[in-house]
Every structure is written in C-alpha cells, then in structure tokens.
N, C-alpha and C. Protein backbone atom coordinates (compact mmCIF):
# COMPACT_ATOMS: atom_id res chain seq x y z
N UNK A 1 -37.22 8.13 -3.21
CA UNK A 1 -36.20 9.14 -3.00
C UNK A 1 -34.87 8.44 -2.71
N UNK A 2 -33.79 8.95 -3.28
CA UNK A 2 -32.46 8.37 -3.08
C UNK A 2 -31.92 8.69 -1.69
N UNK A 3 -31.08 7.79 -1.21
CA UNK A 3 -30.44 8.03 0.09
C UNK A 3 -29.55 9.25 0.01
N UNK A 4 -29.50 9.97 1.11
CA UNK A 4 -28.67 11.15 1.19
C UNK A 4 -27.19 10.74 1.25
N UNK A 5 -26.35 11.44 0.55
CA UNK A 5 -24.91 11.18 0.58
C UNK A 5 -24.33 11.88 1.80
N UNK A 6 -23.59 11.11 2.59
CA UNK A 6 -22.99 11.66 3.81
C UNK A 6 -21.48 11.63 3.64
N UNK A 7 -20.86 12.76 3.81
CA UNK A 7 -19.41 12.84 3.72
C UNK A 7 -18.82 12.36 5.03
N UNK A 8 -17.81 11.50 4.97
CA UNK A 8 -17.28 10.93 6.20
C UNK A 8 -16.23 11.81 6.88
N UNK A 9 -15.61 12.71 6.15
CA UNK A 9 -14.61 13.65 6.69
C UNK A 9 -13.44 12.97 7.39
N UNK A 10 -13.19 11.71 7.05
CA UNK A 10 -12.03 11.02 7.60
C UNK A 10 -10.80 11.41 6.79
N UNK A 11 -9.70 11.72 7.45
CA UNK A 11 -8.51 12.08 6.70
C UNK A 11 -7.99 10.91 5.88
N UNK A 12 -7.57 11.18 4.69
CA UNK A 12 -7.03 10.15 3.81
C UNK A 12 -5.53 10.10 3.97
N UNK A 13 -4.97 8.91 3.81
CA UNK A 13 -3.51 8.78 3.89
C UNK A 13 -2.88 9.44 2.67
N UNK A 14 -1.74 10.03 2.87
CA UNK A 14 -1.02 10.63 1.75
C UNK A 14 0.34 9.97 1.53
N UNK A 15 0.78 9.17 2.51
CA UNK A 15 2.03 8.45 2.33
C UNK A 15 2.06 7.24 3.26
N UNK A 16 2.90 6.29 2.92
CA UNK A 16 3.04 5.07 3.70
C UNK A 16 4.14 5.21 4.74
N UNK A 17 3.98 4.49 5.85
CA UNK A 17 5.09 4.31 6.77
C UNK A 17 5.95 3.18 6.22
N UNK A 18 7.12 2.97 6.79
CA UNK A 18 7.99 1.88 6.33
C UNK A 18 7.31 0.53 6.52
N UNK A 19 6.65 0.33 7.66
CA UNK A 19 5.96 -0.93 7.94
C UNK A 19 4.85 -1.18 6.93
N UNK A 20 4.12 -0.14 6.57
CA UNK A 20 3.07 -0.28 5.57
C UNK A 20 3.66 -0.59 4.21
N UNK A 21 4.82 -0.01 3.90
CA UNK A 21 5.49 -0.29 2.64
C UNK A 21 5.90 -1.77 2.56
N UNK A 22 6.36 -2.31 3.68
CA UNK A 22 6.69 -3.74 3.72
C UNK A 22 5.42 -4.55 3.45
N UNK A 23 4.31 -4.14 4.05
CA UNK A 23 3.04 -4.83 3.83
C UNK A 23 2.59 -4.73 2.37
N UNK A 24 2.87 -3.61 1.72
CA UNK A 24 2.55 -3.46 0.29
C UNK A 24 3.25 -4.55 -0.51
N UNK A 25 4.53 -4.78 -0.24
CA UNK A 25 5.28 -5.84 -0.94
C UNK A 25 4.67 -7.21 -0.66
N UNK A 26 4.34 -7.47 0.59
CA UNK A 26 3.77 -8.77 0.95
C UNK A 26 2.43 -9.00 0.25
N UNK A 27 1.62 -7.95 0.20
CA UNK A 27 0.33 -8.05 -0.50
C UNK A 27 0.53 -8.26 -1.99
N UNK A 28 1.49 -7.56 -2.58
CA UNK A 28 1.77 -7.69 -4.01
C UNK A 28 2.19 -9.13 -4.33
N UNK A 29 3.08 -9.67 -3.52
CA UNK A 29 3.55 -11.04 -3.74
C UNK A 29 2.45 -12.07 -3.48
N UNK A 30 1.46 -11.71 -2.68
CA UNK A 30 0.34 -12.61 -2.41
C UNK A 30 -0.69 -12.58 -3.54
N UNK A 31 -0.50 -11.65 -4.49
CA UNK A 31 -1.38 -11.62 -5.65
C UNK A 31 -2.37 -10.47 -5.71
N UNK A 32 -2.31 -9.56 -4.76
CA UNK A 32 -3.22 -8.41 -4.81
C UNK A 32 -2.76 -7.42 -5.87
N UNK A 33 -3.73 -6.80 -6.52
CA UNK A 33 -3.44 -5.76 -7.49
C UNK A 33 -3.19 -4.44 -6.78
N UNK A 34 -2.47 -3.55 -7.47
CA UNK A 34 -2.12 -2.26 -6.87
C UNK A 34 -3.35 -1.48 -6.45
N UNK A 35 -4.40 -1.48 -7.27
CA UNK A 35 -5.59 -0.72 -6.90
C UNK A 35 -6.30 -1.32 -5.69
N UNK A 36 -6.18 -2.62 -5.48
CA UNK A 36 -6.77 -3.26 -4.31
C UNK A 36 -6.00 -2.87 -3.03
N UNK A 37 -4.67 -2.83 -3.15
CA UNK A 37 -3.84 -2.42 -2.02
C UNK A 37 -4.15 -0.97 -1.67
N UNK A 38 -4.25 -0.13 -2.69
CA UNK A 38 -4.55 1.29 -2.46
C UNK A 38 -5.90 1.46 -1.78
N UNK A 39 -6.89 0.70 -2.22
CA UNK A 39 -8.22 0.79 -1.62
C UNK A 39 -8.20 0.35 -0.16
N UNK A 40 -7.41 -0.67 0.15
CA UNK A 40 -7.32 -1.15 1.54
C UNK A 40 -6.75 -0.09 2.46
N UNK A 41 -5.84 0.71 1.94
CA UNK A 41 -5.22 1.77 2.75
C UNK A 41 -5.87 3.14 2.56
N UNK A 42 -6.85 3.21 1.68
CA UNK A 42 -7.51 4.48 1.33
C UNK A 42 -6.44 5.51 0.97
N UNK A 43 -5.67 5.16 -0.04
CA UNK A 43 -4.57 6.00 -0.50
C UNK A 43 -4.54 5.97 -2.02
N UNK A 44 -3.97 6.96 -2.62
CA UNK A 44 -3.85 7.03 -4.07
C UNK A 44 -2.99 5.87 -4.56
N UNK A 45 -3.40 5.22 -5.63
CA UNK A 45 -2.65 4.07 -6.15
C UNK A 45 -1.25 4.45 -6.62
N UNK A 46 -1.03 5.73 -6.88
CA UNK A 46 0.32 6.18 -7.25
C UNK A 46 1.31 5.99 -6.12
N UNK A 47 0.83 6.07 -4.87
CA UNK A 47 1.73 5.86 -3.73
C UNK A 47 2.13 4.39 -3.63
N UNK A 48 1.22 3.49 -4.00
CA UNK A 48 1.55 2.06 -4.04
C UNK A 48 2.61 1.83 -5.12
N UNK A 49 2.41 2.45 -6.26
CA UNK A 49 3.37 2.35 -7.35
C UNK A 49 4.73 2.88 -6.93
N UNK A 50 4.75 3.98 -6.18
CA UNK A 50 6.03 4.55 -5.71
C UNK A 50 6.78 3.54 -4.86
N UNK A 51 6.08 2.81 -4.01
CA UNK A 51 6.73 1.80 -3.17
C UNK A 51 7.26 0.66 -4.04
N UNK A 52 6.42 0.17 -4.96
CA UNK A 52 6.80 -0.98 -5.77
C UNK A 52 7.89 -0.65 -6.79
N UNK A 53 8.02 0.61 -7.15
CA UNK A 53 9.10 1.03 -8.05
C UNK A 53 10.30 1.57 -7.27
N UNK A 54 10.22 1.44 -5.95
CA UNK A 54 11.28 1.85 -5.04
C UNK A 54 11.67 3.32 -5.16
N UNK A 55 10.65 4.14 -5.41
CA UNK A 55 10.84 5.59 -5.39
C UNK A 55 10.84 6.04 -3.93
N UNK A 56 9.98 5.41 -3.13
CA UNK A 56 9.92 5.69 -1.69
C UNK A 56 10.18 4.40 -0.93
N UNK A 57 10.60 4.54 0.30
CA UNK A 57 10.85 3.42 1.22
C UNK A 57 11.78 2.37 0.62
N UNK A 58 12.90 2.84 0.12
CA UNK A 58 13.93 1.92 -0.38
C UNK A 58 14.35 1.03 0.77
N UNK A 59 14.42 -0.25 0.52
CA UNK A 59 14.76 -1.21 1.56
C UNK A 59 13.55 -1.99 2.06
N UNK A 60 12.35 -1.51 1.76
CA UNK A 60 11.16 -2.21 2.22
C UNK A 60 11.00 -3.55 1.51
N UNK A 61 11.44 -3.64 0.27
CA UNK A 61 11.38 -4.90 -0.47
C UNK A 61 12.26 -5.95 0.19
N UNK A 62 13.48 -5.56 0.54
CA UNK A 62 14.40 -6.48 1.18
C UNK A 62 13.87 -6.94 2.54
N UNK A 63 13.27 -6.01 3.28
CA UNK A 63 12.71 -6.36 4.58
C UNK A 63 11.55 -7.33 4.42
N UNK A 64 10.70 -7.10 3.43
CA UNK A 64 9.57 -8.00 3.18
C UNK A 64 10.10 -9.38 2.78
N UNK A 65 11.11 -9.41 1.94
CA UNK A 65 11.71 -10.69 1.52
C UNK A 65 12.31 -11.42 2.72
N UNK A 66 12.96 -10.68 3.59
CA UNK A 66 13.55 -11.28 4.79
C UNK A 66 12.46 -11.90 5.66
N UNK A 67 11.35 -11.21 5.79
CA UNK A 67 10.25 -11.72 6.62
C UNK A 67 9.64 -12.97 6.03
N UNK A 68 9.69 -13.09 4.73
CA UNK A 68 9.15 -14.30 4.08
C UNK A 68 10.20 -15.40 3.97
N UNK A 69 11.42 -15.06 4.30
CA UNK A 69 12.50 -16.04 4.16
C UNK A 69 13.00 -16.15 2.74
N UNK A 70 12.65 -15.16 1.91
CA UNK A 70 13.13 -15.13 0.53
C UNK A 70 14.50 -14.49 0.46
N UNK A 71 15.20 -14.79 -0.58
CA UNK A 71 16.46 -14.10 -0.84
C UNK A 71 16.13 -12.88 -1.68
N UNK A 72 16.50 -11.72 -1.21
CA UNK A 72 16.15 -10.47 -1.90
C UNK A 72 17.02 -10.25 -3.12
C-alpha cells in the first residue's frame, strides 16, 4: 500500500522582502538557477524572475553588488 499523502497547510510565500531580493541576486551570481532559488523560498519562479528583471525591488541588485564589493 502506498504512503498516505499529507497536506502540510503551510502558507506559501507570494512575494519577496527587499532583503530576500538581495539574497536572490547573491544566489544568482553564485550560480544557482532561478528554479532552485524559487524552491529554496517555496515561491513561484516568476517572482524570482521579477526580481532579476527588476520589475520588483528595484535597487536590490545595487545593494547586493555593494555587499559583494562589486561595482553595480
């Protein structure tokens, strides 16, 4: 008999905070794929794309670059 499927009922994220958006950039530059970042945050990969295309959290790229010591 197959194991019973149990629903976890944990709320899923629907948007990133600014700090998480900065982390998205850092993860992207470290070589993670968008779907891997989305899975880590349990969020739709379209939200990761929104950050990386600067649709949301404009300025997060510059902040991530500053934290790495990169020139934005």
